[in-house]
């Protein structure tokens, strides 16, 4: 999340008020300026409801698997919208990490299921 926030900050920090309005970021800018406020693309703020934690390791790993796939899908969407090679390189790196995390969580689940 920090890397994506840093990319967004770098891309938007020098926008003029006219560019902010033309990009549709005026409402966000009024509340947050060029600061990064963690929220969805629809403007829904991040909160702890996004984190599902259970005592049961299989339930938690299943949530982790889903979270990794959701993050990968988000990066795929960003790549479809972006034409900036530097941004795309960073997003591709983050996307690949999600794929590896998914694989490792899958391996952990298999170990738990063998017990």
PDB file of N, CA and C in Angstrom:
ATOM      1  N   UNK A   1       0.827  -1.190   0.000  1.00  0.00           N
ATOM      2  CA  UNK A   1       0.000   0.000   0.000  1.00  0.00           C
ATOM      3  C   UNK A   1       0.871   1.253   0.000  1.00  0.00           C
ATOM      4  N   UNK A   2       1.989   1.184   0.735  1.00  0.00           N
ATOM      5  CA  UNK A   2       2.868   2.348   0.783  1.00  0.00           C
ATOM      6  C   UNK A   2       3.460   2.658  -0.583  1.00  0.00           C
ATOM      7  N   UNK A   3       3.809   1.620  -1.337  1.00  0.00           N
ATOM      8  CA  UNK A   3       4.414   1.852  -2.650  1.00  0.00           C
ATOM      9  C   UNK A   3       3.406   2.470  -3.614  1.00  0.00           C
ATOM     10  N   UNK A   4       2.198   1.971  -3.601  1.00  0.00           N
ATOM     11  CA  UNK A   4       1.163   2.538  -4.477  1.00  0.00           C
ATOM     12  C   UNK A   4       0.876   3.978  -4.064  1.00  0.00           C
ATOM     13  N   UNK A   5       0.789   4.232  -2.757  1.00  0.00           N
ATOM     14  CA  UNK A   5       0.550   5.593  -2.277  1.00  0.00           C
ATOM     15  C   UNK A   5       1.688   6.522  -2.700  1.00  0.00           C
ATOM     16  N   UNK A   6       2.926   6.036  -2.624  1.00  0.00           N
ATOM     17  CA  UNK A   6       4.067   6.859  -3.027  1.00  0.00           C
ATOM     18  C   UNK A   6       4.008   7.168  -4.527  1.00  0.00           C
ATOM     19  N   UNK A   7       3.627   6.184  -5.335  1.00  0.00           N
ATOM     20  CA  UNK A   7       3.497   6.411  -6.785  1.00  0.00           C
ATOM     21  C   UNK A   7       2.430   7.469  -7.054  1.00  0.00           C
ATOM     22  N   UNK A   8       1.289   7.328  -6.404  1.00  0.00           N
ATOM     23  CA  UNK A   8       0.200   8.283  -6.611  1.00  0.00           C
ATOM     24  C   UNK A   8       0.634   9.681  -6.190  1.00  0.00           C
ATOM     25  N   UNK A   9       1.308   9.781  -5.048  1.00  0.00           N
ATOM     26  CA  UNK A   9       1.783  11.088  -4.588  1.00  0.00           C
ATOM     27  C   UNK A   9       2.731  11.716  -5.609  1.00  0.00           C
ATOM     28  N   UNK A  10       3.676  10.917  -6.106  1.00  0.00           N
ATOM     29  CA  UNK A  10       4.638  11.440  -7.074  1.00  0.00           C
ATOM     30  C   UNK A  10       3.954  11.909  -8.357  1.00  0.00           C
ATOM     31  N   UNK A  11       2.912  11.215  -8.762  1.00  0.00           N
ATOM     32  CA  UNK A  11       2.216  11.573  -9.997  1.00  0.00           C
ATOM     33  C   UNK A  11       1.297  12.785  -9.836  1.00  0.00           C
ATOM     34  N   UNK A  12       0.875  13.059  -8.606  1.00  0.00           N
ATOM     35  CA  UNK A  12      -0.123  14.118  -8.413  1.00  0.00           C
ATOM     36  C   UNK A  12       0.375  15.336  -7.642  1.00  0.00           C
ATOM     37  N   UNK A  13       1.530  15.285  -7.053  1.00  0.00           N
ATOM     38  CA  UNK A  13       1.971  16.362  -6.153  1.00  0.00           C
ATOM     39  C   UNK A  13       2.104  17.723  -6.818  1.00  0.00           C
ATOM     40  N   UNK A  14       2.372  17.762  -8.121  1.00  0.00           N
ATOM     41  CA  UNK A  14       2.569  19.048  -8.790  1.00  0.00           C
ATOM     42  C   UNK A  14       1.409  19.440  -9.696  1.00  0.00           C
ATOM     43  N   UNK A  15       0.257  18.801  -9.520  1.00  0.00           N
ATOM     44  CA  UNK A  15      -0.898  19.155 -10.354  1.00  0.00           C
ATOM     45  C   UNK A  15      -1.379  20.565 -10.039  1.00  0.00           C
ATOM     46  N   UNK A  16      -1.803  21.269 -11.052  1.00  0.00           N
ATOM     47  CA  UNK A  16      -2.412  22.581 -10.854  1.00  0.00           C
ATOM     48  C   UNK A  16      -3.868  22.378 -10.438  1.00  0.00           C
ATOM     49  N   UNK A  17      -4.499  23.382  -9.872  1.00  0.00           N
ATOM     50  CA  UNK A  17      -5.925  23.250  -9.535  1.00  0.00           C
ATOM     51  C   UNK A  17      -6.780  22.878 -10.759  1.00  0.00           C
ATOM     52  N   UNK A  18      -6.415  23.401 -11.920  1.00  0.00           N
ATOM     53  CA  UNK A  18      -7.160  23.082 -13.137  1.00  0.00           C
ATOM     54  C   UNK A  18      -7.023  21.601 -13.494  1.00  0.00           C
ATOM     55  N   UNK A  19      -5.807  21.058 -13.335  1.00  0.00           N
ATOM     56  CA  UNK A  19      -5.584  19.640 -13.621  1.00  0.00           C
ATOM     57  C   UNK A  19      -6.308  18.747 -12.616  1.00  0.00           C
ATOM     58  N   UNK A  20      -6.341  19.188 -11.358  1.00  0.00           N
ATOM     59  CA  UNK A  20      -7.068  18.436 -10.325  1.00  0.00           C
ATOM     60  C   UNK A  20      -8.542  18.342 -10.706  1.00  0.00           C
ATOM     61  N   UNK A  21      -9.132  19.473 -11.089  1.00  0.00           N
ATOM     62  CA  UNK A  21     -10.543  19.488 -11.489  1.00  0.00           C
ATOM     63  C   UNK A  21     -10.782  18.651 -12.738  1.00  0.00           C
ATOM     64  N   UNK A  22      -9.935  18.821 -13.743  1.00  0.00           N
ATOM     65  CA  UNK A  22     -10.104  18.088 -15.002  1.00  0.00           C
ATOM     66  C   UNK A  22      -9.985  16.577 -14.795  1.00  0.00           C
ATOM     67  N   UNK A  23      -9.174  16.168 -13.822  1.00  0.00           N
ATOM     68  CA  UNK A  23      -9.001  14.747 -13.540  1.00  0.00           C
ATOM     69  C   UNK A  23     -10.079  14.158 -12.650  1.00  0.00           C
ATOM     70  N   UNK A  24     -10.980  15.004 -12.169  1.00  0.00           N
ATOM     71  CA  UNK A  24     -12.046  14.518 -11.299  1.00  0.00           C
ATOM     72  C   UNK A  24     -11.614  14.300  -9.859  1.00  0.00           C
ATOM     73  N   UNK A  25     -10.482  14.878  -9.480  1.00  0.00           N
ATOM     74  CA  UNK A  25      -9.974  14.698  -8.123  1.00  0.00           C
ATOM     75  C   UNK A  25     -10.301  15.855  -7.195  1.00  0.00           C
ATOM     76  N   UNK A  26     -11.149  16.761  -7.633  1.00  0.00           N
ATOM     77  CA  UNK A  26     -11.390  17.971  -6.846  1.00  0.00           C
ATOM     78  C   UNK A  26     -11.998  17.669  -5.477  1.00  0.00           C
ATOM     79  N   UNK A  27     -12.946  16.747  -5.401  1.00  0.00           N
ATOM     80  CA  UNK A  27     -13.564  16.428  -4.102  1.00  0.00           C
ATOM     81  C   UNK A  27     -12.546  15.788  -3.166  1.00  0.00           C
ATOM     82  N   UNK A  28     -11.743  14.884  -3.706  1.00  0.00           N
ATOM     83  CA  UNK A  28     -10.681  14.261  -2.904  1.00  0.00           C
ATOM     84  C   UNK A  28      -9.703  15.333  -2.421  1.00  0.00           C
ATOM     85  N   UNK A  29      -9.299  16.224  -3.337  1.00  0.00           N
ATOM     86  CA  UNK A  29      -8.321  17.258  -3.025  1.00  0.00           C
ATOM     87  C   UNK A  29      -8.823  18.192  -1.919  1.00  0.00           C
ATOM     88  N   UNK A  30     -10.103  18.524  -1.948  1.00  0.00           N
ATOM     89  CA  UNK A  30     -10.666  19.404  -0.921  1.00  0.00           C
ATOM     90  C   UNK A  30     -10.478  18.779   0.463  1.00  0.00           C
ATOM     91  N   UNK A  31     -10.684  17.476   0.560  1.00  0.00           N
ATOM     92  CA  UNK A  31     -10.563  16.798   1.862  1.00  0.00           C
ATOM     93  C   UNK A  31      -9.129  16.480   2.251  1.00  0.00           C
ATOM     94  N   UNK A  32      -8.283  16.111   1.265  1.00  0.00           N
ATOM     95  CA  UNK A  32      -6.985  15.544   1.605  1.00  0.00           C
ATOM     96  C   UNK A  32      -5.793  16.240   0.978  1.00  0.00           C
ATOM     97  N   UNK A  33      -6.022  17.216   0.103  1.00  0.00           N
ATOM     98  CA  UNK A  33      -4.901  17.835  -0.598  1.00  0.00           C
ATOM     99  C   UNK A  33      -4.179  16.780  -1.414  1.00  0.00           C
ATOM    100  N   UNK A  34      -2.859  16.870  -1.479  1.00  0.00           N
ATOM    101  CA  UNK A  34      -2.079  15.866  -2.206  1.00  0.00           C
ATOM    102  C   UNK A  34      -1.686  14.708  -1.295  1.00  0.00           C
ATOM    103  N   UNK A  35      -2.189  14.727  -0.058  1.00  0.00           N
ATOM    104  CA  UNK A  35      -1.883  13.639   0.871  1.00  0.00           C
ATOM    105  C   UNK A  35      -2.583  12.355   0.470  1.00  0.00           C
ATOM    106  N   UNK A  36      -2.005  11.248   0.869  1.00  0.00           N
ATOM    107  CA  UNK A  36      -2.564   9.949   0.549  1.00  0.00           C
ATOM    108  C   UNK A  36      -3.489   9.515   1.677  1.00  0.00           C
ATOM    109  N   UNK A  37      -4.733   9.291   1.329  1.00  0.00           N
ATOM    110  CA  UNK A  37      -5.749   8.833   2.266  1.00  0.00           C
ATOM    111  C   UNK A  37      -6.210   7.465   1.771  1.00  0.00           C
ATOM    112  N   UNK A  38      -5.957   6.403   2.546  1.00  0.00           N
ATOM    113  CA  UNK A  38      -6.280   5.060   2.049  1.00  0.00           C
ATOM    114  C   UNK A  38      -7.781   4.832   1.872  1.00  0.00           C
ATOM    115  N   UNK A  39      -8.183   4.711   0.614  1.00  0.00           N
ATOM    116  CA  UNK A  39      -9.582   4.458   0.301  1.00  0.00           C
ATOM    117  C   UNK A  39      -9.661   3.724  -1.037  1.00  0.00           C
ATOM    118  N   UNK A  40     -10.808   3.167  -1.304  1.00  0.00           N
ATOM    119  CA  UNK A  40     -11.000   2.473  -2.573  1.00  0.00           C
ATOM    120  C   UNK A  40     -11.104   3.490  -3.702  1.00  0.00           C
ATOM    121  N   UNK A  41     -11.089   2.989  -4.932  1.00  0.00           N
ATOM    122  CA  UNK A  41     -11.229   3.876  -6.084  1.00  0.00           C
ATOM    123  C   UNK A  41     -12.566   4.604  -6.055  1.00  0.00           C
ATOM    124  N   UNK A  42     -13.551   4.032  -5.359  1.00  0.00           N
ATOM    125  CA  UNK A  42     -14.867   4.661  -5.237  1.00  0.00           C
ATOM    126  C   UNK A  42     -14.919   5.655  -4.080  1.00  0.00           C
ATOM    127  N   UNK A  43     -13.807   5.808  -3.354  1.00  0.00           N
ATOM    128  CA  UNK A  43     -13.752   6.762  -2.257  1.00  0.00           C
ATOM    129  C   UNK A  43     -14.146   6.203  -0.901  1.00  0.00           C
ATOM    130  N   UNK A  44     -14.345   4.899  -0.801  1.00  0.00           N
ATOM    131  CA  UNK A  44     -14.704   4.290   0.483  1.00  0.00           C
ATOM    132  C   UNK A  44     -13.433   4.146   1.322  1.00  0.00           C
ATOM    133  N   UNK A  45     -13.388   4.771   2.499  1.00  0.00           N
ATOM    134  CA  UNK A  45     -12.184   4.724   3.322  1.00  0.00           C
ATOM    135  C   UNK A  45     -11.857   3.305   3.787  1.00  0.00           C
ATOM    136  N   UNK A  46     -10.558   3.031   3.903  1.00  0.00           N
ATOM    137  CA  UNK A  46     -10.107   1.761   4.453  1.00  0.00           C
ATOM    138  C   UNK A  46     -10.479   1.710   5.924  1.00  0.00           C
ATOM    139  N   UNK A  47     -10.889   0.540   6.371  1.00  0.00           N
ATOM    140  CA  UNK A  47     -11.121   0.347   7.802  1.00  0.00           C
ATOM    141  C   UNK A  47     -10.835  -1.098   8.163  1.00  0.00           C
ATOM    142  N   UNK A  48     -10.852  -1.406   9.422  1.00  0.00           N
ATOM    143  CA  UNK A  48     -10.510  -2.740   9.897  1.00  0.00           C
ATOM    144  C   UNK A  48     -11.495  -3.803   9.441  1.00  0.00           C
ATOM    145  N   UNK A  49     -12.656  -3.416   8.914  1.00  0.00           N
ATOM    146  CA  UNK A  49     -13.615  -4.397   8.414  1.00  0.00           C
ATOM    147  C   UNK A  49     -13.036  -5.181   7.234  1.00  0.00           C
ATOM    148  N   UNK A  50     -12.005  -4.634   6.605  1.00  0.00           N
ATOM    149  CA  UNK A  50     -11.379  -5.320   5.477  1.00  0.00           C
ATOM    150  C   UNK A  50     -10.481  -6.465   5.930  1.00  0.00           C
ATOM    151  N   UNK A  51     -10.207  -6.531   7.210  1.00  0.00           N
ATOM    152  CA  UNK A  51      -9.322  -7.564   7.742  1.00  0.00           C
ATOM    153  C   UNK A  51     -10.167  -8.612   8.448  1.00  0.00           C
ATOM    154  N   UNK A  52     -10.143  -9.812   7.911  1.00  0.00           N
ATOM    155  CA  UNK A  52     -10.887 -10.914   8.520  1.00  0.00           C
ATOM    156  C   UNK A  52      -9.897 -11.824   9.226  1.00  0.00           C
ATOM    157  N   UNK A  53     -10.062 -11.976  10.513  1.00  0.00           N
ATOM    158  CA  UNK A  53      -9.152 -12.790  11.296  1.00  0.00           C
ATOM    159  C   UNK A  53      -9.956 -13.747  12.160  1.00  0.00           C
ATOM    160  N   UNK A  54      -9.553 -14.985  12.148  1.00  0.00           N
ATOM    161  CA  UNK A  54     -10.205 -16.010  12.965  1.00  0.00           C
ATOM    162  C   UNK A  54      -9.151 -16.792  13.724  1.00  0.00           C
ATOM    163  N   UNK A  55      -9.592 -17.466  14.753  1.00  0.00           N
ATOM    164  CA  UNK A  55      -8.691 -18.350  15.491  1.00  0.00           C
ATOM    165  C   UNK A  55      -8.313 -19.552  14.634  1.00  0.00           C
ATOM    166  N   UNK A  56      -9.193 -19.941  13.731  1.00  0.00           N
ATOM    167  CA  UNK A  56      -8.986 -21.104  12.878  1.00  0.00           C
ATOM    168  C   UNK A  56      -7.991 -20.774  11.762  1.00  0.00           C
ATOM    169  N   UNK A  57      -6.815 -21.449  11.731  1.00  0.00           N
ATOM    170  CA  UNK A  57      -5.820 -21.119  10.719  1.00  0.00           C
ATOM    171  C   UNK A  57      -6.301 -21.350   9.280  1.00  0.00           C
ATOM    172  N   UNK A  58      -7.109 -22.372   9.047  1.00  0.00           N
ATOM    173  CA  UNK A  58      -7.609 -22.609   7.692  1.00  0.00           C
ATOM    174  C   UNK A  58      -8.513 -21.475   7.229  1.00  0.00           C
ATOM    175  N   UNK A  59      -9.349 -20.974   8.127  1.00  0.00           N
ATOM    176  CA  UNK A  59     -10.218 -19.854   7.777  1.00  0.00           C
ATOM    177  C   UNK A  59      -9.388 -18.611   7.478  1.00  0.00           C
ATOM    178  N   UNK A  60      -8.366 -18.349   8.289  1.00  0.00           N
ATOM    179  CA  UNK A  60      -7.521 -17.169   8.077  1.00  0.00           C
ATOM    180  C   UNK A  60      -6.723 -17.283   6.785  1.00  0.00           C
ATOM    181  N   UNK A  61      -6.192 -18.462   6.501  1.00  0.00           N
ATOM    182  CA  UNK A  61      -5.421 -18.630   5.273  1.00  0.00           C
ATOM    183  C   UNK A  61      -6.329 -18.490   4.055  1.00  0.00           C
ATOM    184  N   UNK A  62      -7.552 -18.984   4.154  1.00  0.00           N
ATOM    185  CA  UNK A  62      -8.496 -18.822   3.045  1.00  0.00           C
ATOM    186  C   UNK A  62      -8.749 -17.343   2.785  1.00  0.00           C
ATOM    187  N   UNK A  63      -8.894 -16.553   3.837  1.00  0.00           N
ATOM    188  CA  UNK A  63      -9.042 -15.099   3.689  1.00  0.00           C
ATOM    189  C   UNK A  63      -7.803 -14.491   3.052  1.00  0.00           C
ATOM    190  N   UNK A  64      -6.625 -14.954   3.492  1.00  0.00           N
ATOM    191  CA  UNK A  64      -5.378 -14.435   2.924  1.00  0.00           C
ATOM    192  C   UNK A  64      -5.275 -14.751   1.434  1.00  0.00           C
ATOM    193  N   UNK A  65      -5.653 -15.969   1.058  1.00  0.00           N
ATOM    194  CA  UNK A  65      -5.635 -16.350  -0.356  1.00  0.00           C
ATOM    195  C   UNK A  65      -6.530 -15.421  -1.178  1.00  0.00           C
ATOM    196  N   UNK A  66      -7.713 -15.157  -0.662  1.00  0.00           N
ATOM    197  CA  UNK A  66      -8.647 -14.271  -1.367  1.00  0.00           C
ATOM    198  C   UNK A  66      -8.080 -12.856  -1.462  1.00  0.00           C
ATOM    199  N   UNK A  67      -7.468 -12.368  -0.389  1.00  0.00           N
ATOM    200  CA  UNK A  67      -6.908 -11.013  -0.386  1.00  0.00           C
ATOM    201  C   UNK A  67      -5.793 -10.889  -1.422  1.00  0.00           C
ATOM    202  N   UNK A  68      -4.962 -11.902  -1.542  1.00  0.00           N
ATOM    203  CA  UNK A  68      -3.878 -11.861  -2.528  1.00  0.00           C
ATOM    204  C   UNK A  68      -4.443 -11.809  -3.945  1.00  0.00           C
ATOM    205  N   UNK A  69      -5.487 -12.564  -4.208  1.00  0.00           N
ATOM    206  CA  UNK A  69      -6.088 -12.552  -5.545  1.00  0.00           C
ATOM    207  C   UNK A  69      -6.784 -11.226  -5.833  1.00  0.00           C
ATOM    208  N   UNK A  70      -7.417 -10.655  -4.831  1.00  0.00           N
ATOM    209  CA  UNK A  70      -8.061  -9.351  -5.027  1.00  0.00           C
ATOM    210  C   UNK A  70      -7.017  -8.280  -5.325  1.00  0.00           C
ATOM    211  N   UNK A  71      -5.891  -8.329  -4.612  1.00  0.00           N
ATOM    212  CA  UNK A  71      -4.820  -7.362  -4.859  1.00  0.00           C
ATOM    213  C   UNK A  71      -4.246  -7.555  -6.262  1.00  0.00           C
ATOM    214  N   UNK A  72      -4.025  -8.814  -6.667  1.00  0.00           N
ATOM    215  CA  UNK A  72      -3.514  -9.088  -8.009  1.00  0.00           C
ATOM    216  C   UNK A  72      -4.467  -8.544  -9.071  1.00  0.00           C
ATOM    217  N   UNK A  73      -5.758  -8.755  -8.876  1.00  0.00           N
ATOM    218  CA  UNK A  73      -6.752  -8.259  -9.831  1.00  0.00           C
ATOM    219  C   UNK A  73      -6.733  -6.728  -9.897  1.00  0.00           C
ATOM    220  N   UNK A  74      -6.546  -6.080  -8.748  1.00  0.00           N
ATOM    221  CA  UNK A  74      -6.467  -4.617  -8.731  1.00  0.00           C
ATOM    222  C   UNK A  74      -5.259  -4.144  -9.528  1.00  0.00           C
ATOM    223  N   UNK A  75      -4.114  -4.805  -9.345  1.00  0.00           N
ATOM    224  CA  UNK A  75      -2.917  -4.434 -10.103  1.00  0.00           C
ATOM    225  C   UNK A  75      -3.130  -4.669 -11.600  1.00  0.00           C
ATOM    226  N   UNK A  76      -3.811  -5.762 -11.952  1.00  0.00           N
ATOM    227  CA  UNK A  76      -4.137  -5.993 -13.374  1.00  0.00           C
ATOM    228  C   UNK A  76      -4.961  -4.828 -13.927  1.00  0.00           C
ATOM    229  N   UNK A  77      -5.918  -4.352 -13.150  1.00  0.00           N
ATOM    230  CA  UNK A  77      -6.752  -3.226 -13.592  1.00  0.00           C
ATOM    231  C   UNK A  77      -5.930  -1.956 -13.750  1.00  0.00           C
ATOM    232  N   UNK A  78      -5.028  -1.711 -12.810  1.00  0.00           N
ATOM    233  CA  UNK A  78      -4.162  -0.534 -12.919  1.00  0.00           C
ATOM    234  C   UNK A  78      -3.329  -0.613 -14.188  1.00  0.00           C
ATOM    235  N   UNK A  79      -2.783  -1.798 -14.471  1.00  0.00           N
ATOM    236  CA  UNK A  79      -1.957  -1.956 -15.673  1.00  0.00           C
ATOM    237  C   UNK A  79      -2.754  -1.725 -16.957  1.00  0.00           C
ATOM    238  N   UNK A  80      -4.035  -2.074 -16.938  1.00  0.00           N
ATOM    239  CA  UNK A  80      -4.864  -1.823 -18.121  1.00  0.00           C
ATOM    240  C   UNK A  80      -5.106  -0.321 -18.330  1.00  0.00           C
ATOM    241  N   UNK A  81      -5.057   0.451 -17.246  1.00  0.00           N
ATOM    242  CA  UNK A  81      -5.327   1.889 -17.335  1.00  0.00           C
ATOM    243  C   UNK A  81      -4.078   2.747 -17.501  1.00  0.00           C
ATOM    244  N   UNK A  82      -2.938   2.234 -17.087  1.00  0.00           N
ATOM    245  CA  UNK A  82      -1.718   3.040 -17.061  1.00  0.00           C
ATOM    246  C   UNK A  82      -0.920   2.886 -18.350  1.00  0.00           C
ATOM    247  N   UNK A  83      -0.348   4.013 -18.797  1.00  0.00           N
ATOM    248  CA  UNK A  83       0.563   3.958 -19.940  1.00  0.00           C
ATOM    249  C   UNK A  83       1.948   4.497 -19.550  1.00  0.00           C
ATOM    250  N   UNK A  84       2.191   4.620 -18.248  1.00  0.00           N
ATOM    251  CA  UNK A  84       3.470   5.125 -17.754  1.00  0.00           C
ATOM    252  C   UNK A  84       4.399   3.935 -17.473  1.00  0.00           C
ATOM    253  N   UNK A  85       5.510   3.802 -18.208  1.00  0.00           N
ATOM    254  CA  UNK A  85       6.385   2.641 -18.036  1.00  0.00           C
ATOM    255  C   UNK A  85       6.955   2.506 -16.621  1.00  0.00           C
ATOM    256  N   UNK A  86       7.287   3.633 -15.981  1.00  0.00           N
ATOM    257  CA  UNK A  86       7.838   3.561 -14.625  1.00  0.00           C
ATOM    258  C   UNK A  86       6.791   3.071 -13.631  1.00  0.00           C
ATOM    259  N   UNK A  87       5.574   3.583 -13.742  1.00  0.00           N
ATOM    260  CA  UNK A  87       4.484   3.122 -12.884  1.00  0.00           C
ATOM    261  C   UNK A  87       4.216   1.644 -13.158  1.00  0.00           C
ATOM    262  N   UNK A  88       4.160   1.279 -14.423  1.00  0.00           N
ATOM    263  CA  UNK A  88       3.866  -0.108 -14.777  1.00  0.00           C
ATOM    264  C   UNK A  88       4.917  -1.069 -14.231  1.00  0.00           C
ATOM    265  N   UNK A  89       6.184  -0.688 -14.271  1.00  0.00           N
ATOM    266  CA  UNK A  89       7.234  -1.548 -13.720  1.00  0.00           C
ATOM    267  C   UNK A  89       7.013  -1.795 -12.227  1.00  0.00           C
ATOM    268  N   UNK A  90       6.697  -0.734 -11.496  1.00  0.00           N
ATOM    269  CA  UNK A  90       6.459  -0.887 -10.052  1.00  0.00           C
ATOM    270  C   UNK A  90       5.217  -1.737  -9.795  1.00  0.00           C
ATOM    271  N   UNK A  91       4.160  -1.514 -10.553  1.00  0.00           N
ATOM    272  CA  UNK A  91       2.923  -2.277 -10.375  1.00  0.00           C
ATOM    273  C   UNK A  91       3.145  -3.745 -10.743  1.00  0.00           C
ATOM    274  N   UNK A  92       3.903  -4.006 -11.790  1.00  0.00           N
ATOM    275  CA  UNK A  92       4.201  -5.398 -12.163  1.00  0.00           C
ATOM    276  C   UNK A  92       4.979  -6.093 -11.055  1.00  0.00           C
ATOM    277  N   UNK A  93       5.900  -5.374 -10.420  1.00  0.00           N
ATOM    278  CA  UNK A  93       6.642  -5.937  -9.291  1.00  0.00           C
ATOM    279  C   UNK A  93       5.692  -6.289  -8.149  1.00  0.00           C
ATOM    280  N   UNK A  94       4.800  -5.359  -7.814  1.00  0.00           N
ATOM    281  CA  UNK A  94       3.840  -5.615  -6.738  1.00  0.00           C
ATOM    282  C   UNK A  94       2.901  -6.762  -7.094  1.00  0.00           C
ATOM    283  N   UNK A  95       2.468  -6.812  -8.346  1.00  0.00           N
ATOM    284  CA  UNK A  95       1.579  -7.885  -8.803  1.00  0.00           C
ATOM    285  C   UNK A  95       2.261  -9.243  -8.637  1.00  0.00           C
ATOM    286  N   UNK A  96       3.532  -9.316  -9.027  1.00  0.00           N
ATOM    287  CA  UNK A  96       4.257 -10.588  -8.907  1.00  0.00           C
ATOM    288  C   UNK A  96       4.387 -11.009  -7.449  1.00  0.00           C
ATOM    289  N   UNK A  97       4.551 -10.051  -6.548  1.00  0.00           N
ATOM    290  CA  UNK A  97       4.603 -10.390  -5.120  1.00  0.00           C
ATOM    291  C   UNK A  97       3.297 -11.006  -4.653  1.00  0.00           C
ATOM    292  N   UNK A  98       2.170 -10.488  -5.148  1.00  0.00           N
ATOM    293  CA  UNK A  98       0.870 -11.062  -4.772  1.00  0.00           C
ATOM    294  C   UNK A  98       0.765 -12.507  -5.248  1.00  0.00           C
ATOM    295  N   UNK A  99       1.264 -12.767  -6.458  1.00  0.00           N
ATOM    296  CA  UNK A  99       1.236 -14.137  -6.994  1.00  0.00           C
ATOM    297  C   UNK A  99       2.061 -15.066  -6.105  1.00  0.00           C
ATOM    298  N   UNK A 100       3.246 -14.624  -5.722  1.00  0.00           N
ATOM    299  CA  UNK A 100       4.102 -15.441  -4.860  1.00  0.00           C
ATOM    300  C   UNK A 100       3.462 -15.627  -3.487  1.00  0.00           C
ATOM    301  N   UNK A 101       2.890 -14.573  -2.920  1.00  0.00           N
ATOM    302  CA  UNK A 101       2.214 -14.703  -1.621  1.00  0.00           C
ATOM    303  C   UNK A 101       1.085 -15.722  -1.710  1.00  0.00           C
ATOM    304  N   UNK A 102       0.311 -15.664  -2.792  1.00  0.00           N
ATOM    305  CA  UNK A 102      -0.783 -16.617  -2.986  1.00  0.00           C
ATOM    306  C   UNK A 102      -0.232 -18.044  -3.001  1.00  0.00           C
ATOM    307  N   UNK A 103       0.864 -18.240  -3.702  1.00  0.00           N
ATOM    308  CA  UNK A 103       1.469 -19.569  -3.764  1.00  0.00           C
ATOM    309  C   UNK A 103       1.931 -20.036  -2.377  1.00  0.00           C
ATOM    310  N   UNK A 104       2.560 -19.159  -1.627  1.00  0.00           N
ATOM    311  CA  UNK A 104       3.050 -19.537  -0.290  1.00  0.00           C
ATOM    312  C   UNK A 104       1.879 -19.834   0.654  1.00  0.00           C
ATOM    313  N   UNK A 105       0.826 -19.016   0.608  1.00  0.00           N
ATOM    314  CA  UNK A 105      -0.348 -19.303   1.447  1.00  0.00           C
ATOM    315  C   UNK A 105      -0.978 -20.635   1.055  1.00  0.00           C
ATOM    316  N   UNK A 106      -0.983 -20.935  -0.245  1.00  0.00           N
ATOM    317  CA  UNK A 106      -1.511 -22.223  -0.707  1.00  0.00           C
ATOM    318  C   UNK A 106      -0.698 -23.383  -0.159  1.00  0.00           C
ATOM    319  N   UNK A 107       0.615 -23.216  -0.150  1.00  0.00           N
ATOM    320  CA  UNK A 107       1.484 -24.252   0.421  1.00  0.00           C
ATOM    321  C   UNK A 107       1.218 -24.425   1.912  1.00  0.00           C
ATOM    322  N   UNK A 108       1.030 -23.319   2.614  1.00  0.00           N
ATOM    323  CA  UNK A 108       0.730 -23.403   4.051  1.00  0.00           C
ATOM    324  C   UNK A 108      -0.590 -24.111   4.288  1.00  0.00           C
ATOM    325  N   UNK A 109      -1.588 -23.816   3.443  1.00  0.00           N
ATOM    326  CA  UNK A 109      -2.876 -24.474   3.591  1.00  0.00           C
ATOM    327  C   UNK A 109      -2.732 -25.981   3.381  1.00  0.00           C
ATOM    328  N   UNK A 110      -1.961 -26.374   2.380  1.00  0.00           N
ATOM    329  CA  UNK A 110      -1.746 -27.800   2.121  1.00  0.00           C
ATOM    330  C   UNK A 110      -1.099 -28.480   3.310  1.00  0.00           C
ATOM    331  N   UNK A 111      -0.150 -27.809   3.943  1.00  0.00           N
ATOM    332  CA  UNK A 111       0.504 -28.377   5.134  1.00  0.00           C
ATOM    333  C   UNK A 111      -0.524 -28.563   6.248  1.00  0.00           C
ATOM    334  N   UNK A 112      -1.366 -27.554   6.465  1.00  0.00           N
ATOM    335  CA  UNK A 112      -2.398 -27.661   7.517  1.00  0.00           C
ATOM    336  C   UNK A 112      -3.396 -28.782   7.208  1.00  0.00           C
ATOM    337  N   UNK A 113      -3.734 -28.949   5.956  1.00  0.00           N
ATOM    338  CA  UNK A 113      -4.705 -29.982   5.575  1.00  0.00           C
ATOM    339  C   UNK A 113      -4.135 -31.384   5.721  1.00  0.00           C
ATOM    340  N   UNK A 114      -2.808 -31.502   5.651  1.00  0.00           N
ATOM    341  CA  UNK A 114      -2.165 -32.815   5.819  1.00  0.00           C
ATOM    342  C   UNK A 114      -2.175 -33.273   7.260  1.00  0.00           C
ATOM    343  N   UNK A 115      -2.341 -32.361   8.188  1.00  0.00           N
ATOM    344  CA  UNK A 115      -2.285 -32.713   9.623  1.00  0.00           C
ATOM    345  C   UNK A 115      -3.552 -33.399  10.055  1.00  0.00           C
TER     346      UNK A 115
END
